[in-house]
Amino acid sequence: GRETLEFKMQQADGVIFASPVYTYNVSWIMKNFLDRFAYR
């Protein structure tokens, strides 16, 4: 679903990114999200 998610972000006027604190970092799924969009 990466392409669909990118389209949603492009179409939005604003995006809220939310994550819990896990060991002084973002959650692993938020980190994976960032990694998957590293090309941006």
PDB file of all heavy atoms in Angstrom:
ATOM      1  N   GLY A   1       0.778  -1.232   0.000  1.00  0.00           N
ATOM      2  CA  GLY A   1       0.000   0.000   0.000  1.00  0.00           C
ATOM      3  C   GLY A   1       0.808   1.280   0.000  1.00  0.00           C
ATOM      4  O   GLY A   1       0.248   2.363   0.236  1.00  0.00           O
ATOM      5  N   ARG A   2       2.114   1.209  -0.279  1.00  0.00           N
ATOM      6  CA  ARG A   2       2.961   2.401  -0.236  1.00  0.00           C
ATOM      7  C   ARG A   2       2.490   3.478  -1.207  1.00  0.00           C
ATOM      8  O   ARG A   2       2.390   4.661  -0.851  1.00  0.00           O
ATOM      9  CB  ARG A   2       4.418   2.036  -0.548  1.00  0.00           C
ATOM     10  CG  ARG A   2       5.348   3.254  -0.599  1.00  0.00           C
ATOM     11  CD  ARG A   2       6.635   2.926  -1.323  1.00  0.00           C
ATOM     12  NE  ARG A   2       6.414   2.408  -2.647  1.00  0.00           N
ATOM     13  CZ  ARG A   2       6.092   3.149  -3.701  1.00  0.00           C
ATOM     14  NH1 ARG A   2       5.950   4.469  -3.584  1.00  0.00           N
ATOM     15  NH2 ARG A   2       5.906   2.598  -4.890  1.00  0.00           N
ATOM     16  N   GLU A   3       2.205   3.098  -2.425  1.00  0.00           N
ATOM     17  CA  GLU A   3       1.815   4.071  -3.447  1.00  0.00           C
ATOM     18  C   GLU A   3       0.511   4.772  -3.070  1.00  0.00           C
ATOM     19  O   GLU A   3       0.379   5.989  -3.236  1.00  0.00           O
ATOM     20  CB  GLU A   3       1.669   3.372  -4.796  1.00  0.00           C
ATOM     21  CG  GLU A   3       1.455   4.331  -5.958  1.00  0.00           C
ATOM     22  CD  GLU A   3       1.445   3.633  -7.304  1.00  0.00           C
ATOM     23  OE1 GLU A   3       1.802   2.429  -7.361  1.00  0.00           O
ATOM     24  OE2 GLU A   3       1.076   4.270  -8.308  1.00  0.00           O
ATOM     25  N   THR A   4      -0.440   4.013  -2.537  1.00  0.00           N
ATOM     26  CA  THR A   4      -1.719   4.598  -2.111  1.00  0.00           C
ATOM     27  C   THR A   4      -1.517   5.569  -0.965  1.00  0.00           C
ATOM     28  O   THR A   4      -2.112   6.663  -0.934  1.00  0.00           O
ATOM     29  CB  THR A   4      -2.697   3.488  -1.683  1.00  0.00           C
ATOM     30  OG1 THR A   4      -2.943   2.626  -2.791  1.00  0.00           O
ATOM     31  CG2 THR A   4      -4.015   4.084  -1.211  1.00  0.00           C
ATOM     32  N   LEU A   5      -0.643   5.207  -0.028  1.00  0.00           N
ATOM     33  CA  LEU A   5      -0.371   6.069   1.115  1.00  0.00           C
ATOM     34  C   LEU A   5       0.307   7.366   0.665  1.00  0.00           C
ATOM     35  O   LEU A   5      -0.026   8.455   1.155  1.00  0.00           O
ATOM     36  CB  LEU A   5       0.507   5.333   2.127  1.00  0.00           C
ATOM     37  CG  LEU A   5       0.904   6.108   3.396  1.00  0.00           C
ATOM     38  CD1 LEU A   5      -0.304   6.731   4.065  1.00  0.00           C
ATOM     39  CD2 LEU A   5       1.644   5.181   4.358  1.00  0.00           C
ATOM     40  N   GLU A   6       1.230   7.267  -0.282  1.00  0.00           N
ATOM     41  CA  GLU A   6       1.881   8.479  -0.781  1.00  0.00           C
ATOM     42  C   GLU A   6       0.867   9.395  -1.468  1.00  0.00           C
ATOM     43  O   GLU A   6       0.910  10.620  -1.307  1.00  0.00           O
ATOM     44  CB  GLU A   6       3.008   8.131  -1.753  1.00  0.00           C
ATOM     45  CG  GLU A   6       3.692   9.372  -2.318  1.00  0.00           C
ATOM     46  CD  GLU A   6       5.056   9.097  -2.902  1.00  0.00           C
ATOM     47  OE1 GLU A   6       5.458   7.924  -2.986  1.00  0.00           O
ATOM     48  OE2 GLU A   6       5.743  10.072  -3.261  1.00  0.00           O
ATOM     49  N   PHE A   7      -0.051   8.806  -2.219  1.00  0.00           N
ATOM     50  CA  PHE A   7      -1.089   9.597  -2.885  1.00  0.00           C
ATOM     51  C   PHE A   7      -1.944  10.327  -1.857  1.00  0.00           C
ATOM     52  O   PHE A   7      -2.275  11.511  -2.039  1.00  0.00           O
ATOM     53  CB  PHE A   7      -1.969   8.690  -3.752  1.00  0.00           C
ATOM     54  CG  PHE A   7      -3.087   9.417  -4.446  1.00  0.00           C
ATOM     55  CD1 PHE A   7      -2.850  10.172  -5.584  1.00  0.00           C
ATOM     56  CD2 PHE A   7      -4.385   9.357  -3.953  1.00  0.00           C
ATOM     57  CE1 PHE A   7      -3.882  10.859  -6.218  1.00  0.00           C
ATOM     58  CE2 PHE A   7      -5.422  10.031  -4.578  1.00  0.00           C
ATOM     59  CZ  PHE A   7      -5.174  10.789  -5.715  1.00  0.00           C
ATOM     60  N   LYS A   8      -2.289   9.665  -0.778  1.00  0.00           N
ATOM     61  CA  LYS A   8      -3.083  10.296   0.280  1.00  0.00           C
ATOM     62  C   LYS A   8      -2.338  11.479   0.885  1.00  0.00           C
ATOM     63  O   LYS A   8      -2.932  12.540   1.149  1.00  0.00           O
ATOM     64  CB  LYS A   8      -3.409   9.270   1.381  1.00  0.00           C
ATOM     65  CG  LYS A   8      -4.418   8.208   0.991  1.00  0.00           C
ATOM     66  CD  LYS A   8      -4.636   7.224   2.140  1.00  0.00           C
ATOM     67  CE  LYS A   8      -5.587   6.099   1.779  1.00  0.00           C
ATOM     68  NZ  LYS A   8      -6.978   6.577   1.628  1.00  0.00           N
ATOM     69  N   MET A   9      -1.034  11.336   1.105  1.00  0.00           N
ATOM     70  CA  MET A   9      -0.244  12.437   1.668  1.00  0.00           C
ATOM     71  C   MET A   9      -0.152  13.604   0.695  1.00  0.00           C
ATOM     72  O   MET A   9      -0.208  14.769   1.095  1.00  0.00           O
ATOM     73  CB  MET A   9       1.154  11.941   2.062  1.00  0.00           C
ATOM     74  CG  MET A   9       1.154  11.007   3.262  1.00  0.00           C
ATOM     75  SD  MET A   9       2.819  10.672   3.916  1.00  0.00           S
ATOM     76  CE  MET A   9       3.499   9.636   2.612  1.00  0.00           C
ATOM     77  N   GLN A  10      -0.010  13.294  -0.584  1.00  0.00           N
ATOM     78  CA  GLN A  10       0.069  14.350  -1.591  1.00  0.00           C
ATOM     79  C   GLN A  10      -1.241  15.129  -1.690  1.00  0.00           C
ATOM     80  O   GLN A  10      -1.239  16.340  -1.908  1.00  0.00           O
ATOM     81  CB  GLN A  10       0.416  13.748  -2.961  1.00  0.00           C
ATOM     82  CG  GLN A  10       1.818  13.156  -3.060  1.00  0.00           C
ATOM     83  CD  GLN A  10       2.905  14.216  -3.185  1.00  0.00           C
ATOM     84  OE1 GLN A  10       2.667  15.395  -2.966  1.00  0.00           O
ATOM     85  NE2 GLN A  10       4.107  13.796  -3.532  1.00  0.00           N
ATOM     86  N   GLN A  11      -2.354  14.440  -1.527  1.00  0.00           N
ATOM     87  CA  GLN A  11      -3.662  15.075  -1.672  1.00  0.00           C
ATOM     88  C   GLN A  11      -4.078  15.872  -0.440  1.00  0.00           C
ATOM     89  O   GLN A  11      -4.920  16.773  -0.536  1.00  0.00           O
ATOM     90  CB  GLN A  11      -4.723  14.007  -1.967  1.00  0.00           C
ATOM     91  CG  GLN A  11      -4.574  13.334  -3.316  1.00  0.00           C
ATOM     92  CD  GLN A  11      -4.670  14.320  -4.469  1.00  0.00           C
ATOM     93  OE1 GLN A  11      -5.663  15.034  -4.607  1.00  0.00           O
ATOM     94  NE2 GLN A  11      -3.654  14.360  -5.319  1.00  0.00           N
ATOM     95  N   ALA A  12      -3.493  15.577   0.704  1.00  0.00           N
ATOM     96  CA  ALA A  12      -3.879  16.238   1.949  1.00  0.00           C
ATOM     97  C   ALA A  12      -3.323  17.658   2.021  1.00  0.00           C
ATOM     98  O   ALA A  12      -2.238  17.946   1.517  1.00  0.00           O
ATOM     99  CB  ALA A  12      -3.387  15.428   3.142  1.00  0.00           C
ATOM    100  N   ASP A  13      -4.078  18.555   2.654  1.00  0.00           N
ATOM    101  CA  ASP A  13      -3.584  19.913   2.902  1.00  0.00           C
ATOM    102  C   ASP A  13      -2.605  19.927   4.074  1.00  0.00           C
ATOM    103  O   ASP A  13      -1.739  20.790   4.161  1.00  0.00           O
ATOM    104  CB  ASP A  13      -4.764  20.842   3.206  1.00  0.00           C
ATOM    105  CG  ASP A  13      -5.705  20.979   2.016  1.00  0.00           C
ATOM    106  OD1 ASP A  13      -5.279  21.546   0.993  1.00  0.00           O
ATOM    107  OD2 ASP A  13      -6.854  20.508   2.103  1.00  0.00           O
ATOM    108  N   GLY A  14      -2.775  18.982   4.974  1.00  0.00           N
ATOM    109  CA  GLY A  14      -1.885  18.856   6.111  1.00  0.00           C
ATOM    110  C   GLY A  14      -1.849  17.412   6.572  1.00  0.00           C
ATOM    111  O   GLY A  14      -2.827  16.679   6.418  1.00  0.00           O
ATOM    112  N   VAL A  15      -0.710  17.006   7.123  1.00  0.00           N
ATOM    113  CA  VAL A  15      -0.553  15.629   7.589  1.00  0.00           C
ATOM    114  C   VAL A  15      -0.099  15.642   9.049  1.00  0.00           C
ATOM    115  O   VAL A  15       0.819  16.383   9.407  1.00  0.00           O
ATOM    116  CB  VAL A  15       0.467  14.840   6.741  1.00  0.00           C
ATOM    117  CG1 VAL A  15       0.501  13.373   7.177  1.00  0.00           C
ATOM    118  CG2 VAL A  15       0.146  14.949   5.252  1.00  0.00           C
ATOM    119  N   ILE A  16      -0.759  14.836   9.872  1.00  0.00           N
ATOM    120  CA  ILE A  16      -0.361  14.660  11.266  1.00  0.00           C
ATOM    121  C   ILE A  16       0.369  13.325  11.382  1.00  0.00           C
ATOM    122  O   ILE A  16      -0.165  12.282  10.996  1.00  0.00           O
ATOM    123  CB  ILE A  16      -1.581  14.670  12.204  1.00  0.00           C
ATOM    124  CG1 ILE A  16      -2.291  16.023  12.131  1.00  0.00           C
ATOM    125  CG2 ILE A  16      -1.158  14.382  13.646  1.00  0.00           C
ATOM    126  CD1 ILE A  16      -3.586  16.089  12.924  1.00  0.00           C
ATOM    127  N   PHE A  17       1.603  13.367  11.875  1.00  0.00           N
ATOM    128  CA  PHE A  17       2.387  12.157  12.085  1.00  0.00           C
ATOM    129  C   PHE A  17       2.485  11.919  13.587  1.00  0.00           C
ATOM    130  O   PHE A  17       2.988  12.782  14.316  1.00  0.00           O
ATOM    131  CB  PHE A  17       3.782  12.304  11.482  1.00  0.00           C
ATOM    132  CG  PHE A  17       3.786  12.475   9.981  1.00  0.00           C
ATOM    133  CD1 PHE A  17       3.805  13.744   9.423  1.00  0.00           C
ATOM    134  CD2 PHE A  17       3.768  11.376   9.144  1.00  0.00           C
ATOM    135  CE1 PHE A  17       3.806  13.918   8.041  1.00  0.00           C
ATOM    136  CE2 PHE A  17       3.765  11.529   7.761  1.00  0.00           C
ATOM    137  CZ  PHE A  17       3.786  12.815   7.209  1.00  0.00           C
ATOM    138  N   ALA A  18       2.011  10.775  14.029  1.00  0.00           N
ATOM    139  CA  ALA A  18       1.951  10.513  15.465  1.00  0.00           C
ATOM    140  C   ALA A  18       2.605   9.184  15.811  1.00  0.00           C
ATOM    141  O   ALA A  18       2.410   8.179  15.110  1.00  0.00           O
ATOM    142  CB  ALA A  18       0.494  10.514  15.930  1.00  0.00           C
ATOM    143  N   SER A  19       3.384   9.182  16.885  1.00  0.00           N
ATOM    144  CA  SER A  19       4.058   7.963  17.316  1.00  0.00           C
ATOM    145  C   SER A  19       4.218   7.952  18.833  1.00  0.00           C
ATOM    146  O   SER A  19       4.453   9.002  19.443  1.00  0.00           O
ATOM    147  CB  SER A  19       5.442   7.854  16.667  1.00  0.00           C
ATOM    148  OG  SER A  19       6.183   6.762  17.188  1.00  0.00           O
ATOM    149  N   PRO A  20       4.128   6.779  19.431  1.00  0.00           N
ATOM    150  CA  PRO A  20       4.491   6.681  20.839  1.00  0.00           C
ATOM    151  C   PRO A  20       6.012   6.679  20.981  1.00  0.00           C
ATOM    152  O   PRO A  20       6.726   6.436  19.995  1.00  0.00           O
ATOM    153  CB  PRO A  20       3.899   5.321  21.249  1.00  0.00           C
ATOM    154  CG  PRO A  20       3.909   4.520  19.986  1.00  0.00           C
ATOM    155  CD  PRO A  20       3.644   5.503  18.881  1.00  0.00           C
ATOM    156  N   VAL A  21       6.505   6.974  22.163  1.00  0.00           N
ATOM    157  CA  VAL A  21       7.936   6.899  22.439  1.00  0.00           C
ATOM    158  C   VAL A  21       8.274   5.469  22.839  1.00  0.00           C
ATOM    159  O   VAL A  21       7.741   4.947  23.816  1.00  0.00           O
ATOM    160  CB  VAL A  21       8.333   7.864  23.576  1.00  0.00           C
ATOM    161  CG1 VAL A  21       9.804   7.655  23.963  1.00  0.00           C
ATOM    162  CG2 VAL A  21       8.099   9.308  23.160  1.00  0.00           C
ATOM    163  N   TYR A  22       9.154   4.838  22.075  1.00  0.00           N
ATOM    164  CA  TYR A  22       9.648   3.495  22.400  1.00  0.00           C
ATOM    165  C   TYR A  22      11.168   3.570  22.513  1.00  0.00           C
ATOM    166  O   TYR A  22      11.841   3.838  21.506  1.00  0.00           O
ATOM    167  CB  TYR A  22       9.255   2.483  21.319  1.00  0.00           C
ATOM    168  CG  TYR A  22       7.797   2.066  21.324  1.00  0.00           C
ATOM    169  CD1 TYR A  22       7.290   1.257  20.321  1.00  0.00           C
ATOM    170  CD2 TYR A  22       6.921   2.473  22.329  1.00  0.00           C
ATOM    171  CE1 TYR A  22       5.959   0.865  20.314  1.00  0.00           C
ATOM    172  CE2 TYR A  22       5.588   2.102  22.334  1.00  0.00           C
ATOM    173  CZ  TYR A  22       5.107   1.294  21.326  1.00  0.00           C
ATOM    174  OH  TYR A  22       3.795   0.915  21.318  1.00  0.00           O
ATOM    175  N   THR A  23      11.687   3.355  23.700  1.00  0.00           N
ATOM    176  CA  THR A  23      13.133   3.407  23.971  1.00  0.00           C
ATOM    177  C   THR A  23      13.780   4.648  23.346  1.00  0.00           C
ATOM    178  O   THR A  23      14.734   4.547  22.586  1.00  0.00           O
ATOM    179  CB  THR A  23      13.857   2.130  23.478  1.00  0.00           C
ATOM    180  OG1 THR A  23      13.632   1.941  22.073  1.00  0.00           O
ATOM    181  CG2 THR A  23      13.372   0.912  24.239  1.00  0.00           C
ATOM    182  N   TYR A  24      13.227   5.797  23.664  1.00  0.00           N
ATOM    183  CA  TYR A  24      13.728   7.088  23.194  1.00  0.00           C
ATOM    184  C   TYR A  24      13.788   7.174  21.676  1.00  0.00           C
ATOM    185  O   TYR A  24      14.715   7.752  21.101  1.00  0.00           O
ATOM    186  CB  TYR A  24      15.110   7.384  23.797  1.00  0.00           C
ATOM    187  CG  TYR A  24      15.039   7.836  25.226  1.00  0.00           C
ATOM    188  CD1 TYR A  24      15.138   6.930  26.273  1.00  0.00           C
ATOM    189  CD2 TYR A  24      14.859   9.181  25.548  1.00  0.00           C
ATOM    190  CE1 TYR A  24      15.061   7.333  27.596  1.00  0.00           C
ATOM    191  CE2 TYR A  24      14.779   9.605  26.866  1.00  0.00           C
ATOM    192  CZ  TYR A  24      14.875   8.680  27.885  1.00  0.00           C
ATOM    193  OH  TYR A  24      14.784   9.089  29.188  1.00  0.00           O
ATOM    194  N   ASN A  25      12.788   6.618  21.030  1.00  0.00           N
ATOM    195  CA  ASN A  25      12.713   6.705  19.573  1.00  0.00           C
ATOM    196  C   ASN A  25      11.253   6.540  19.164  1.00  0.00           C
ATOM    197  O   ASN A  25      10.384   6.339  20.008  1.00  0.00           O
ATOM    198  CB  ASN A  25      13.578   5.620  18.920  1.00  0.00           C
ATOM    199  CG  ASN A  25      14.177   6.069  17.614  1.00  0.00           C
ATOM    200  OD1 ASN A  25      13.494   6.685  16.786  1.00  0.00           O
ATOM    201  ND2 ASN A  25      15.461   5.786  17.406  1.00  0.00           N
ATOM    202  N   VAL A  26      11.006   6.669  17.863  1.00  0.00           N
ATOM    203  CA  VAL A  26       9.664   6.395  17.356  1.00  0.00           C
ATOM    204  C   VAL A  26       9.438   4.888  17.387  1.00  0.00           C
ATOM    205  O   VAL A  26      10.373   4.102  17.557  1.00  0.00           O
ATOM    206  CB  VAL A  26       9.481   6.937  15.915  1.00  0.00           C
ATOM    207  CG1 VAL A  26       9.606   8.451  15.888  1.00  0.00           C
ATOM    208  CG2 VAL A  26      10.496   6.297  14.956  1.00  0.00           C
ATOM    209  N   SER A  27       8.197   4.481  17.209  1.00  0.00           N
ATOM    210  CA  SER A  27       7.890   3.053  17.166  1.00  0.00           C
ATOM    211  C   SER A  27       8.514   2.411  15.928  1.00  0.00           C
ATOM    212  O   SER A  27       8.861   3.096  14.962  1.00  0.00           O
ATOM    213  CB  SER A  27       6.374   2.852  17.129  1.00  0.00           C
ATOM    214  OG  SER A  27       5.848   3.351  15.895  1.00  0.00           O
ATOM    215  N   TRP A  28       8.634   1.093  15.956  1.00  0.00           N
ATOM    216  CA  TRP A  28       9.264   0.427  14.819  1.00  0.00           C
ATOM    217  C   TRP A  28       8.435   0.589  13.548  1.00  0.00           C
ATOM    218  O   TRP A  28       9.000   0.667  12.444  1.00  0.00           O
ATOM    219  CB  TRP A  28       9.492  -1.054  15.113  1.00  0.00           C
ATOM    220  CG  TRP A  28       8.279  -1.927  15.040  1.00  0.00           C
ATOM    221  CD1 TRP A  28       7.444  -2.262  16.063  1.00  0.00           C
ATOM    222  CD2 TRP A  28       7.755  -2.570  13.872  1.00  0.00           C
ATOM    223  NE1 TRP A  28       6.431  -3.080  15.621  1.00  0.00           N
ATOM    224  CE2 TRP A  28       6.592  -3.289  14.275  1.00  0.00           C
ATOM    225  CE3 TRP A  28       8.138  -2.618  12.536  1.00  0.00           C
ATOM    226  CZ2 TRP A  28       5.816  -4.033  13.387  1.00  0.00           C
ATOM    227  CZ3 TRP A  28       7.360  -3.358  11.649  1.00  0.00           C
ATOM    228  CH2 TRP A  28       6.223  -4.056  12.068  1.00  0.00           C
ATOM    229  N   ILE A  29       7.100   0.647  13.660  1.00  0.00           N
ATOM    230  CA  ILE A  29       6.297   0.783  12.436  1.00  0.00           C
ATOM    231  C   ILE A  29       6.379   2.200  11.870  1.00  0.00           C
ATOM    232  O   ILE A  29       6.286   2.384  10.662  1.00  0.00           O
ATOM    233  CB  ILE A  29       4.833   0.355  12.646  1.00  0.00           C
ATOM    234  CG1 ILE A  29       4.217   1.043  13.855  1.00  0.00           C
ATOM    235  CG2 ILE A  29       4.705  -1.130  12.756  1.00  0.00           C
ATOM    236  CD1 ILE A  29       2.748   0.692  14.025  1.00  0.00           C
ATOM    237  N   MET A  30       6.582   3.194  12.740  1.00  0.00           N
ATOM    238  CA  MET A  30       6.805   4.548  12.222  1.00  0.00           C
ATOM    239  C   MET A  30       8.184   4.631  11.573  1.00  0.00           C
ATOM    240  O   MET A  30       8.364   5.277  10.533  1.00  0.00           O
ATOM    241  CB  MET A  30       6.675   5.581  13.335  1.00  0.00           C
ATOM    242  CG  MET A  30       6.948   7.028  12.891  1.00  0.00           C
ATOM    243  SD  MET A  30       5.877   7.589  11.534  1.00  0.00           S
ATOM    244  CE  MET A  30       4.380   8.040  12.440  1.00  0.00           C
ATOM    245  N   LYS A  31       9.167   3.967  12.168  1.00  0.00           N
ATOM    246  CA  LYS A  31      10.508   3.941  11.568  1.00  0.00           C
ATOM    247  C   LYS A  31      10.469   3.245  10.219  1.00  0.00           C
ATOM    248  O   LYS A  31      11.111   3.680   9.248  1.00  0.00           O
ATOM    249  CB  LYS A  31      11.491   3.215  12.500  1.00  0.00           C
ATOM    250  CG  LYS A  31      12.931   3.160  11.962  1.00  0.00           C
ATOM    251  CD  LYS A  31      13.503   4.554  11.746  1.00  0.00           C
ATOM    252  CE  LYS A  31      14.986   4.526  11.441  1.00  0.00           C
ATOM    253  NZ  LYS A  31      15.305   3.901  10.147  1.00  0.00           N
ATOM    254  N   ASN A  32       9.710   2.144  10.118  1.00  0.00           N
ATOM    255  CA  ASN A  32       9.586   1.462   8.831  1.00  0.00           C
ATOM    256  C   ASN A  32       8.902   2.358   7.803  1.00  0.00           C
ATOM    257  O   ASN A  32       9.277   2.372   6.630  1.00  0.00           O
ATOM    258  CB  ASN A  32       8.790   0.167   8.988  1.00  0.00           C
ATOM    259  CG  ASN A  32       8.650  -0.588   7.676  1.00  0.00           C
ATOM    260  OD1 ASN A  32       9.633  -0.970   7.054  1.00  0.00           O
ATOM    261  ND2 ASN A  32       7.410  -0.787   7.226  1.00  0.00           N
ATOM    262  N   PHE A  33       7.904   3.128   8.253  1.00  0.00           N
ATOM    263  CA  PHE A  33       7.241   4.088   7.365  1.00  0.00           C
ATOM    264  C   PHE A  33       8.268   5.079   6.812  1.00  0.00           C
ATOM    265  O   PHE A  33       8.299   5.350   5.598  1.00  0.00           O
ATOM    266  CB  PHE A  33       6.145   4.823   8.142  1.00  0.00           C
ATOM    267  CG  PHE A  33       5.648   6.079   7.472  1.00  0.00           C
ATOM    268  CD1 PHE A  33       4.664   6.026   6.498  1.00  0.00           C
ATOM    269  CD2 PHE A  33       6.170   7.320   7.816  1.00  0.00           C
ATOM    270  CE1 PHE A  33       4.203   7.180   5.880  1.00  0.00           C
ATOM    271  CE2 PHE A  33       5.714   8.481   7.208  1.00  0.00           C
ATOM    272  CZ  PHE A  33       4.742   8.415   6.239  1.00  0.00           C
ATOM    273  N   LEU A  34       9.113   5.611   7.677  1.00  0.00           N
ATOM    274  CA  LEU A  34      10.137   6.559   7.238  1.00  0.00           C
ATOM    275  C   LEU A  34      11.124   5.894   6.281  1.00  0.00           C
ATOM    276  O   LEU A  34      11.533   6.492   5.279  1.00  0.00           O
ATOM    277  CB  LEU A  34      10.882   7.129   8.453  1.00  0.00           C
ATOM    278  CG  LEU A  34      10.043   7.960   9.430  1.00  0.00           C
ATOM    279  CD1 LEU A  34      10.848   8.279  10.684  1.00  0.00           C
ATOM    280  CD2 LEU A  34       9.554   9.247   8.776  1.00  0.00           C
ATOM    281  N   ASP A  35      11.491   4.665   6.589  1.00  0.00           N
ATOM    282  CA  ASP A  35      12.427   3.937   5.713  1.00  0.00           C
ATOM    283  C   ASP A  35      11.823   3.671   4.343  1.00  0.00           C
ATOM    284  O   ASP A  35      12.507   3.787   3.320  1.00  0.00           O
ATOM    285  CB  ASP A  35      12.831   2.609   6.358  1.00  0.00           C
ATOM    286  CG  ASP A  35      13.712   2.795   7.585  1.00  0.00           C
ATOM    287  OD1 ASP A  35      14.262   3.897   7.750  1.00  0.00           O
ATOM    288  OD2 ASP A  35      13.836   1.846   8.381  1.00  0.00           O
ATOM    289  N   ARG A  36      10.544   3.315   4.307  1.00  0.00           N
ATOM    290  CA  ARG A  36       9.891   3.017   3.034  1.00  0.00           C
ATOM    291  C   ARG A  36       9.777   4.253   2.151  1.00  0.00           C
ATOM    292  O   ARG A  36       9.659   4.149   0.923  1.00  0.00           O
ATOM    293  CB  ARG A  36       8.506   2.400   3.268  1.00  0.00           C
ATOM    294  CG  ARG A  36       8.531   0.964   3.804  1.00  0.00           C
ATOM    295  CD  ARG A  36       9.176  -0.014   2.828  1.00  0.00           C
ATOM    296  NE  ARG A  36       8.582   0.040   1.511  1.00  0.00           N
ATOM    297  CZ  ARG A  36       7.466  -0.598   1.163  1.00  0.00           C
ATOM    298  NH1 ARG A  36       6.826  -1.341   2.054  1.00  0.00           N
ATOM    299  NH2 ARG A  36       6.995  -0.502  -0.063  1.00  0.00           N
ATOM    300  N   PHE A  37       9.785   5.436   2.767  1.00  0.00           N
ATOM    301  CA  PHE A  37       9.708   6.678   1.990  1.00  0.00           C
ATOM    302  C   PHE A  37      11.050   7.409   1.960  1.00  0.00           C
ATOM    303  O   PHE A  37      11.097   8.614   1.703  1.00  0.00           O
ATOM    304  CB  PHE A  37       8.610   7.588   2.547  1.00  0.00           C
ATOM    305  CG  PHE A  37       7.225   7.118   2.220  1.00  0.00           C
ATOM    306  CD1 PHE A  37       6.507   6.346   3.120  1.00  0.00           C
ATOM    307  CD2 PHE A  37       6.650   7.416   0.994  1.00  0.00           C
ATOM    308  CE1 PHE A  37       5.232   5.890   2.808  1.00  0.00           C
ATOM    309  CE2 PHE A  37       5.381   6.964   0.672  1.00  0.00           C
ATOM    310  CZ  PHE A  37       4.673   6.197   1.584  1.00  0.00           C
ATOM    311  N   ALA A  38      12.125   6.671   2.190  1.00  0.00           N
ATOM    312  CA  ALA A  38      13.457   7.278   2.200  1.00  0.00           C
ATOM    313  C   ALA A  38      13.810   7.921   0.859  1.00  0.00           C
ATOM    314  O   ALA A  38      14.577   8.890   0.807  1.00  0.00           O
ATOM    315  CB  ALA A  38      14.515   6.226   2.561  1.00  0.00           C
ATOM    316  N   TYR A  39      13.246   7.397  -0.221  1.00  0.00           N
ATOM    317  CA  TYR A  39      13.529   7.964  -1.544  1.00  0.00           C
ATOM    318  C   TYR A  39      13.037   9.404  -1.659  1.00  0.00           C
ATOM    319  O   TYR A  39      13.490  10.146  -2.530  1.00  0.00           O
ATOM    320  CB  TYR A  39      12.906   7.099  -2.651  1.00  0.00           C
ATOM    321  CG  TYR A  39      11.414   6.928  -2.559  1.00  0.00           C
ATOM    322  CD1 TYR A  39      10.543   7.840  -3.155  1.00  0.00           C
ATOM    323  CD2 TYR A  39      10.849   5.852  -1.876  1.00  0.00           C
ATOM    324  CE1 TYR A  39       9.167   7.691  -3.070  1.00  0.00           C
ATOM    325  CE2 TYR A  39       9.479   5.691  -1.790  1.00  0.00           C
ATOM    326  CZ  TYR A  39       8.645   6.606  -2.384  1.00  0.00           C
ATOM    327  OH  TYR A  39       7.282   6.462  -2.297  1.00  0.00           O
ATOM    328  N   ARG A  40      12.120   9.806  -0.800  1.00  0.00           N
ATOM    329  CA  ARG A  40      11.628  11.182  -0.818  1.00  0.00           C
ATOM    330  C   ARG A  40      12.568  12.141  -0.077  1.00  0.00           C
ATOM    331  O   ARG A  40      12.345  13.344  -0.072  1.00  0.00           O
ATOM    332  CB  ARG A  40      10.230  11.250  -0.213  1.00  0.00           C
ATOM    333  CG  ARG A  40       9.150  10.769  -1.170  1.00  0.00           C
ATOM    334  CD  ARG A  40       8.959  11.764  -2.316  1.00  0.00           C
ATOM    335  NE  ARG A  40       8.130  11.211  -3.391  1.00  0.00           N
ATOM    336  CZ  ARG A  40       8.585  10.886  -4.591  1.00  0.00           C
ATOM    337  NH1 ARG A  40       9.864  11.020  -4.876  1.00  0.00           N
ATOM    338  NH2 ARG A  40       7.772  10.420  -5.511  1.00  0.00           N
TER     339      ARG A  40
END
